[in-house]
């Protein structure tokens, strides 16, 4: 591959020749990134719809911080997707405020059931919807990054995945603290048996011979 005036690689199409940056996308990539951007819009719209119903100031702070960060990520993803070049600024790193301490164990709670009225919406539901959106975005961006041809778009998607994970983790911790997201544990004996069922490999492996060597 040759180098262009900006120092980047000039990609080639075997039928039409040099591919300009704006067209530097594979077919599979176009559909995957289309899904990523559509999901991002859906998540942002969901946060905007849910915001007036939030009652807990802590959850409102999480929603607002995550919304602002996700909106910026959406904008730079659109930017590099349309230009095929570096966006106006690099992907940031989302920092959550929750501690990393999970509360283990189950306590009695009311069975879940569908709402019958929009007035029934609660902070438990809102945080759950936001958690589901963050998890979906992490999954979608991972799948897209695995088969994205454009190196800039792939890097932006790749750098965004840890932020989606961090947002989901923050929401899971919030839910766990309020007993919305309960985490059971196995009995100590069963847990130890599973944890100790693996061991590190020792020494260097004896690789089978290869005829090419």
Protein backbone atom coordinates (compact mmCIF):
# COMPACT_ATOMS: atom_id res chain seq x y z
CA UNK A 1 0.00 0.00 0.00
CA UNK A 2 1.12 3.55 -0.70
CA UNK A 3 1.05 6.46 1.73
CA UNK A 4 -1.15 9.50 1.21
CA UNK A 5 -0.22 13.11 2.00
CA UNK A 6 -1.63 12.81 5.52
CA UNK A 7 0.63 9.87 6.34
CA UNK A 8 -2.17 7.29 6.28
CA UNK A 9 -2.50 4.19 4.15
CA UNK A 10 -4.20 4.37 0.74
CA UNK A 11 -6.39 1.29 0.38
CA UNK A 12 -7.09 -0.40 -2.94
CA UNK A 13 -10.15 -1.88 -4.61
CA UNK A 14 -9.09 -4.59 -7.06
CA UNK A 15 -11.64 -3.33 -9.64
CA UNK A 16 -11.72 0.45 -9.22
CA UNK A 17 -8.26 1.29 -7.84
CA UNK A 18 -7.46 3.62 -4.95
CA UNK A 19 -10.18 3.98 -2.33
CA UNK A 20 -10.62 7.53 -0.91
CA UNK A 21 -10.96 7.87 2.89
CA UNK A 22 -14.70 8.60 2.73
CA UNK A 23 -15.28 5.29 0.92
CA UNK A 24 -12.87 3.22 3.00
CA UNK A 25 -15.54 0.88 4.39
CA UNK A 26 -16.45 -2.74 3.71
CA UNK A 27 -20.04 -3.82 3.18
CA UNK A 28 -20.20 -5.80 6.43
CA UNK A 29 -18.71 -2.82 8.28
CA UNK A 30 -21.38 -0.44 6.95
CA UNK A 31 -24.20 -2.57 8.30
CA UNK A 32 -22.47 -3.18 11.65
CA UNK A 33 -21.67 0.48 12.26
CA UNK A 34 -25.19 1.39 11.15
CA UNK A 35 -26.45 -0.89 13.94
CA UNK A 36 -24.00 0.64 16.44
CA UNK A 37 -25.07 4.19 15.66
CA UNK A 38 -28.77 3.31 15.66
CA UNK A 39 -28.39 1.61 19.05
CA UNK A 40 -26.49 4.62 20.38
CA UNK A 41 -29.32 6.93 19.31
CA UNK A 42 -31.87 4.60 20.91
CA UNK A 43 -29.92 4.60 24.18
CA UNK A 44 -29.57 8.38 24.21
CA UNK A 45 -33.26 8.84 23.42
CA UNK A 46 -34.19 6.37 26.15
CA UNK A 47 -32.17 8.32 28.72
CA UNK A 48 -33.88 11.54 27.64
CA UNK A 49 -37.34 9.95 27.94
CA UNK A 50 -36.59 8.45 31.36
CA UNK A 51 -34.90 11.49 32.90
CA UNK A 52 -38.10 13.26 34.11
CA UNK A 53 -39.11 10.10 36.01
CA UNK A 54 -35.89 9.73 38.04
CA UNK A 55 -36.39 10.25 41.78
CA UNK A 56 -32.96 9.47 43.25
CA UNK A 57 -30.39 12.31 42.84
CA UNK A 58 -27.58 9.75 42.63
CA UNK A 59 -29.23 7.97 39.71
CA UNK A 60 -29.91 11.32 38.03
CA UNK A 61 -26.21 12.17 38.32
CA UNK A 62 -25.27 8.82 36.75
CA UNK A 63 -27.77 9.29 33.93
CA UNK A 64 -26.56 12.82 33.15
CA UNK A 65 -22.85 11.96 33.23
CA UNK A 66 -23.33 8.88 31.07
CA UNK A 67 -25.57 10.76 28.64
CA UNK A 68 -23.03 13.54 28.07
CA UNK A 69 -20.19 11.07 27.59
CA UNK A 70 -22.19 8.75 25.29
CA UNK A 71 -23.35 11.72 23.19
CA UNK A 72 -19.75 12.80 22.61
CA UNK A 73 -18.76 9.24 21.66
CA UNK A 74 -21.67 9.09 19.23
CA UNK A 75 -20.56 12.36 17.60
CA UNK A 76 -16.93 11.32 17.05
CA UNK A 77 -18.03 7.91 15.75
CA UNK A 78 -20.30 9.60 13.19
CA UNK A 79 -17.49 11.99 12.30
CA UNK A 80 -14.87 9.33 11.55
CA UNK A 81 -17.45 7.07 9.88
CA UNK A 82 -18.33 9.83 7.39
CA UNK A 83 -14.79 11.07 6.75
CA UNK A 84 -12.77 7.87 7.18
CA UNK A 85 -10.21 9.92 9.08
CA UNK A 86 -9.35 10.80 12.68
CA UNK A 87 -12.18 12.59 14.52
CA UNK A 88 -11.72 16.08 15.97
CA UNK A 89 -10.61 14.62 19.31
CA UNK A 90 -9.70 11.18 20.66
CA UNK A 91 -12.08 8.89 22.50
CA UNK A 92 -12.23 9.75 26.20
CA UNK A 93 -12.17 7.42 29.19
CA UNK A 94 -15.34 7.21 31.28
CA UNK A 95 -14.80 7.29 35.05
CA UNK A 96 -17.57 6.00 37.30
CA UNK A 97 -18.18 7.26 40.85
CA UNK A 98 -19.39 3.99 42.38
CA UNK A 99 -17.12 1.89 44.59
CA UNK A 100 -16.25 -1.61 43.37
CA UNK A 101 -17.87 -3.39 46.32
CA UNK A 102 -20.71 -5.80 45.54
CA UNK A 103 -23.15 -6.94 48.20
CA UNK A 104 -23.59 -10.71 47.93
CA UNK A 105 -26.64 -12.67 48.97
CA UNK A 106 -30.37 -12.66 48.32
CA UNK A 107 -33.17 -10.98 50.24
CA UNK A 108 -36.90 -11.44 49.80
CA UNK A 109 -38.46 -9.13 47.22
CA UNK A 110 -41.72 -8.78 45.35
CA UNK A 111 -42.00 -10.81 42.12
CA UNK A 112 -41.46 -8.77 38.96
CA UNK A 113 -44.35 -8.18 36.58
CA UNK A 114 -45.13 -5.85 33.65
CA UNK A 115 -46.39 -2.34 34.39
CA UNK A 116 -50.07 -1.63 33.99
CA UNK A 117 -49.65 2.15 34.08
CA UNK A 118 -46.82 4.53 33.18
CA UNK A 119 -47.05 6.03 36.68
CA UNK A 120 -45.59 2.80 38.06
CA UNK A 121 -42.12 3.50 36.67
CA UNK A 122 -39.42 3.41 39.37
CA UNK A 123 -35.70 4.07 39.75
CA UNK A 124 -35.20 0.31 39.75
CA UNK A 125 -36.76 0.09 36.29
CA UNK A 126 -34.92 3.14 34.99
CA UNK A 127 -31.51 1.92 36.13
CA UNK A 128 -32.33 -1.48 34.64
CA UNK A 129 -33.23 0.01 31.26
CA UNK A 130 -30.02 2.06 31.24
CA UNK A 131 -28.00 -1.02 32.20
CA UNK A 132 -29.55 -2.99 29.36
CA UNK A 133 -28.71 -0.22 26.90
CA UNK A 134 -25.06 -0.04 28.02
CA UNK A 135 -24.71 -3.82 27.74
CA UNK A 136 -26.24 -3.81 24.25
CA UNK A 137 -23.87 -1.06 23.13
CA UNK A 138 -20.84 -2.96 24.47
CA UNK A 139 -21.91 -6.09 22.60
CA UNK A 140 -22.71 -4.25 19.36
CA UNK A 141 -19.48 -2.26 19.30
CA UNK A 142 -17.42 -5.38 20.02
CA UNK A 143 -19.05 -7.28 17.15
CA UNK A 144 -18.58 -4.30 14.79
CA UNK A 145 -14.93 -3.69 15.74
CA UNK A 146 -14.03 -7.29 14.95
CA UNK A 147 -14.87 -6.81 11.26
CA UNK A 148 -14.38 -3.09 10.63
CA UNK A 149 -12.03 -2.43 7.69
CA UNK A 150 -11.42 1.28 8.25
CA UNK A 151 -8.62 1.48 10.83
CA UNK A 152 -9.80 4.78 12.33
CA UNK A 153 -13.40 3.64 12.79
CA UNK A 154 -12.18 0.34 14.21
CA UNK A 155 -9.99 2.13 16.73
CA UNK A 156 -12.79 4.49 17.80
CA UNK A 157 -15.14 1.55 18.29
CA UNK A 158 -12.47 -0.45 20.08
CA UNK A 159 -11.62 2.41 22.45
CA UNK A 160 -15.32 2.96 23.18
CA UNK A 161 -15.98 -0.61 24.35
CA UNK A 162 -14.31 -0.21 27.79
CA UNK A 163 -16.45 2.90 28.35
CA UNK A 164 -19.66 0.95 27.68
CA UNK A 165 -18.44 -1.72 30.11
CA UNK A 166 -17.65 0.92 32.74
CA UNK A 167 -21.11 2.48 32.38
CA UNK A 168 -22.81 -0.90 32.69
CA UNK A 169 -20.70 -1.75 35.72
CA UNK A 170 -21.54 1.56 37.39
CA UNK A 171 -25.25 0.92 36.88
CA UNK A 172 -24.95 -2.68 38.11
CA UNK A 173 -23.22 -1.46 41.28
CA UNK A 174 -25.92 1.18 41.79
CA UNK A 175 -28.62 -1.45 41.40
CA UNK A 176 -26.81 -3.87 43.69
CA UNK A 177 -26.45 -1.24 46.43
CA UNK A 178 -30.22 -0.73 46.39
CA UNK A 179 -30.92 -4.50 46.22
CA UNK A 180 -32.35 -4.21 42.72
CA UNK A 181 -29.54 -6.39 41.31
CA UNK A 182 -29.01 -9.24 43.75
CA UNK A 183 -25.95 -11.47 43.49
CA UNK A 184 -26.18 -15.02 44.87
CA UNK A 185 -23.07 -16.99 45.75
CA UNK A 186 -22.35 -20.70 45.66
CA UNK A 187 -21.57 -22.52 48.88
CA UNK A 188 -17.94 -21.93 49.88
CA UNK A 189 -16.95 -25.56 49.23
CA UNK A 190 -18.45 -25.49 45.70
CA UNK A 191 -16.86 -22.12 44.96
CA UNK A 192 -13.42 -23.34 46.05
CA UNK A 193 -13.78 -26.48 43.96
CA UNK A 194 -14.45 -24.47 40.80
CA UNK A 195 -11.76 -21.85 41.55
CA UNK A 196 -9.17 -24.57 42.16
CA UNK A 197 -10.12 -26.66 39.13
CA UNK A 198 -7.53 -24.83 36.98
CA UNK A 199 -3.75 -24.59 37.27
CA UNK A 200 -1.08 -22.56 35.48
CA UNK A 201 0.97 -24.25 32.75
CA UNK A 202 4.56 -24.84 33.87
CA UNK A 203 7.69 -24.56 31.70
CA UNK A 204 7.92 -24.24 27.92
CA UNK A 205 5.68 -26.43 25.72
CA UNK A 206 7.25 -28.97 23.38
CA UNK A 207 5.83 -27.77 20.09
CA UNK A 208 5.34 -30.36 17.33
CA UNK A 209 7.66 -29.94 14.31
CA UNK A 210 6.45 -27.87 11.37
CA UNK A 211 7.58 -28.83 7.84
CA UNK A 212 7.99 -25.13 6.90
CA UNK A 213 10.77 -24.65 9.45
